[in-house]
Amino acid sequence: MEDISISERALDVHGLASWLGISTDKAYQLGNDPLFPSFRVGNRHRFWPSEVKAWTQQPRDAWKQSARSLGRKRKRDGDAPSQLRRMRS
């Protein structure tokens, strides 16, 4: 964790949304994402601007499968060659 300066103020959801130019709904989603740098005060999300800025500047692998989709089970359409045979007949 980075050293937070004494003068830095934590942003709330509305402050984060206006700072990043996103909707408040998206800011709430980011606050609930375990990989996004946030913390809670009671039941309210708070964000350190320096940590959010560092998070946005991290290099990312564009081809990496998202954590959200890793938990999903793919629907299997069956055996493709047999489906092609059915389509031809």
C-alpha atoms as a PDB file:
ATOM      1  CA  MET A   1       0.000   0.000   0.000  1.00  0.00           C
ATOM      2  CA  GLU A   2       1.275   3.437  -0.881  1.00  0.00           C
ATOM      3  CA  ASP A   3       1.906   6.177   1.628  1.00  0.00           C
ATOM      4  CA  ILE A   4      -1.086   8.493   1.630  1.00  0.00           C
ATOM      5  CA  SER A   5      -0.270  12.149   2.227  1.00  0.00           C
ATOM      6  CA  ILE A   6      -1.938  13.836   5.160  1.00  0.00           C
ATOM      7  CA  SER A   7      -3.488  16.478   2.895  1.00  0.00           C
ATOM      8  CA  GLU A   8      -5.076  13.942   0.540  1.00  0.00           C
ATOM      9  CA  ARG A   9      -8.810  13.534   1.039  1.00  0.00           C
ATOM     10  CA  ALA A  10     -10.664  10.338   0.309  1.00  0.00           C
ATOM     11  CA  LEU A  11     -13.292  10.524  -2.417  1.00  0.00           C
ATOM     12  CA  ASP A  12     -16.813   9.264  -1.988  1.00  0.00           C
ATOM     13  CA  VAL A  13     -18.734   7.546  -4.805  1.00  0.00           C
ATOM     14  CA  HIS A  14     -19.999  10.823  -6.263  1.00  0.00           C
ATOM     15  CA  GLY A  15     -16.525  12.378  -6.120  1.00  0.00           C
ATOM     16  CA  LEU A  16     -14.985   9.355  -7.841  1.00  0.00           C
ATOM     17  CA  ALA A  17     -17.679   9.415 -10.525  1.00  0.00           C
ATOM     18  CA  SER A  18     -17.117  13.083 -11.346  1.00  0.00           C
ATOM     19  CA  TRP A  19     -13.311  12.718 -11.189  1.00  0.00           C
ATOM     20  CA  LEU A  20     -13.248   9.745 -13.584  1.00  0.00           C
ATOM     21  CA  GLY A  21     -16.186  10.929 -15.706  1.00  0.00           C
ATOM     22  CA  ILE A  22     -18.285   7.824 -15.060  1.00  0.00           C
ATOM     23  CA  SER A  23     -21.774   7.237 -13.702  1.00  0.00           C
ATOM     24  CA  THR A  24     -22.379   6.790  -9.999  1.00  0.00           C
ATOM     25  CA  ASP A  25     -23.680   3.278 -10.740  1.00  0.00           C
ATOM     26  CA  LYS A  26     -20.316   2.389 -12.297  1.00  0.00           C
ATOM     27  CA  ALA A  27     -18.515   3.936  -9.311  1.00  0.00           C
ATOM     28  CA  TYR A  28     -20.548   1.689  -6.975  1.00  0.00           C
ATOM     29  CA  GLN A  29     -19.634  -1.322  -9.141  1.00  0.00           C
ATOM     30  CA  LEU A  30     -15.955  -0.396  -8.881  1.00  0.00           C
ATOM     31  CA  GLY A  31     -16.306  -0.023  -5.114  1.00  0.00           C
ATOM     32  CA  ASN A  32     -17.669  -3.564  -4.905  1.00  0.00           C
ATOM     33  CA  ASP A  33     -14.905  -4.971  -7.135  1.00  0.00           C
ATOM     34  CA  PRO A  34     -12.313  -6.655  -4.871  1.00  0.00           C
ATOM     35  CA  LEU A  35      -9.489  -5.717  -7.260  1.00  0.00           C
ATOM     36  CA  PHE A  36     -10.280  -1.984  -7.236  1.00  0.00           C
ATOM     37  CA  PRO A  37      -8.554   0.095  -4.513  1.00  0.00           C
ATOM     38  CA  SER A  38     -11.301   1.141  -2.135  1.00  0.00           C
ATOM     39  CA  PHE A  39     -12.246   0.948   1.499  1.00  0.00           C
ATOM     40  CA  ARG A  40     -15.394   1.351   3.527  1.00  0.00           C
ATOM     41  CA  VAL A  41     -16.351   3.679   6.304  1.00  0.00           C
ATOM     42  CA  GLY A  42     -19.423   2.033   7.755  1.00  0.00           C
ATOM     43  CA  ASN A  43     -21.429   1.060   4.704  1.00  0.00           C
ATOM     44  CA  ARG A  44     -20.033   3.803   2.452  1.00  0.00           C
ATOM     45  CA  HIS A  45     -17.303   3.395  -0.156  1.00  0.00           C
ATOM     46  CA  ARG A  46     -14.232   5.635  -0.075  1.00  0.00           C
ATOM     47  CA  PHE A  47     -11.330   5.911  -2.520  1.00  0.00           C
ATOM     48  CA  TRP A  48      -7.834   7.403  -2.207  1.00  0.00           C
ATOM     49  CA  PRO A  49      -7.173   9.370  -5.435  1.00  0.00           C
ATOM     50  CA  SER A  50      -3.473   8.408  -5.492  1.00  0.00           C
ATOM     51  CA  GLU A  51      -4.315   4.679  -5.289  1.00  0.00           C
ATOM     52  CA  VAL A  52      -7.015   4.961  -7.969  1.00  0.00           C
ATOM     53  CA  LYS A  53      -4.587   6.817 -10.243  1.00  0.00           C
ATOM     54  CA  ALA A  54      -1.914   4.139  -9.708  1.00  0.00           C
ATOM     55  CA  TRP A  55      -4.493   1.398 -10.400  1.00  0.00           C
ATOM     56  CA  THR A  56      -5.566   3.020 -13.682  1.00  0.00           C
ATOM     57  CA  GLN A  57      -1.951   3.271 -14.838  1.00  0.00           C
ATOM     58  CA  GLN A  58      -1.099  -0.401 -14.255  1.00  0.00           C
ATOM     59  CA  PRO A  59      -0.336  -2.346 -17.441  1.00  0.00           C
ATOM     60  CA  ARG A  60      -3.064  -4.821 -18.303  1.00  0.00           C
ATOM     61  CA  ASP A  61      -3.175  -7.893 -20.497  1.00  0.00           C
ATOM     62  CA  ALA A  62      -5.930  -7.202 -23.029  1.00  0.00           C
ATOM     63  CA  TRP A  63      -6.370 -10.928 -23.715  1.00  0.00           C
ATOM     64  CA  LYS A  64      -6.681 -12.051 -20.093  1.00  0.00           C
ATOM     65  CA  GLN A  65     -10.050 -13.543 -19.234  1.00  0.00           C
ATOM     66  CA  SER A  66     -11.907 -11.416 -16.724  1.00  0.00           C
ATOM     67  CA  ALA A  67     -12.445 -12.626 -13.174  1.00  0.00           C
ATOM     68  CA  ARG A  68     -16.178 -12.268 -13.702  1.00  0.00           C
ATOM     69  CA  SER A  69     -16.237 -14.661 -16.644  1.00  0.00           C
ATOM     70  CA  LEU A  70     -13.940 -17.222 -15.016  1.00  0.00           C
ATOM     71  CA  GLY A  71     -16.759 -18.326 -12.725  1.00  0.00           C
ATOM     72  CA  ARG A  72     -19.261 -18.843 -15.509  1.00  0.00           C
ATOM     73  CA  LYS A  73     -19.895 -22.199 -17.059  1.00  0.00           C
ATOM     74  CA  ARG A  74     -20.038 -22.192 -20.810  1.00  0.00           C
ATOM     75  CA  LYS A  75     -23.017 -23.779 -22.474  1.00  0.00           C
ATOM     76  CA  ARG A  76     -21.857 -26.570 -24.693  1.00  0.00           C
ATOM     77  CA  ASP A  77     -23.672 -26.785 -27.998  1.00  0.00           C
ATOM     78  CA  GLY A  78     -22.847 -30.413 -28.503  1.00  0.00           C
ATOM     79  CA  ASP A  79     -20.739 -32.066 -31.114  1.00  0.00           C
ATOM     80  CA  ALA A  80     -20.226 -29.638 -34.011  1.00  0.00           C
ATOM     81  CA  PRO A  81     -19.736 -32.262 -36.787  1.00  0.00           C
ATOM     82  CA  SER A  82     -23.000 -34.002 -35.899  1.00  0.00           C
ATOM     83  CA  GLN A  83     -24.799 -30.660 -35.931  1.00  0.00           C
ATOM     84  CA  LEU A  84     -23.419 -29.948 -39.386  1.00  0.00           C
ATOM     85  CA  ARG A  85     -24.678 -33.318 -40.585  1.00  0.00           C
ATOM     86  CA  ARG A  86     -28.144 -32.499 -39.279  1.00  0.00           C
ATOM     87  CA  MET A  87     -28.107 -29.132 -41.034  1.00  0.00           C
ATOM     88  CA  ARG A  88     -27.159 -30.684 -44.375  1.00  0.00           C
ATOM     89  CA  SER A  89     -29.936 -33.276 -44.319  1.00  0.00           C
END
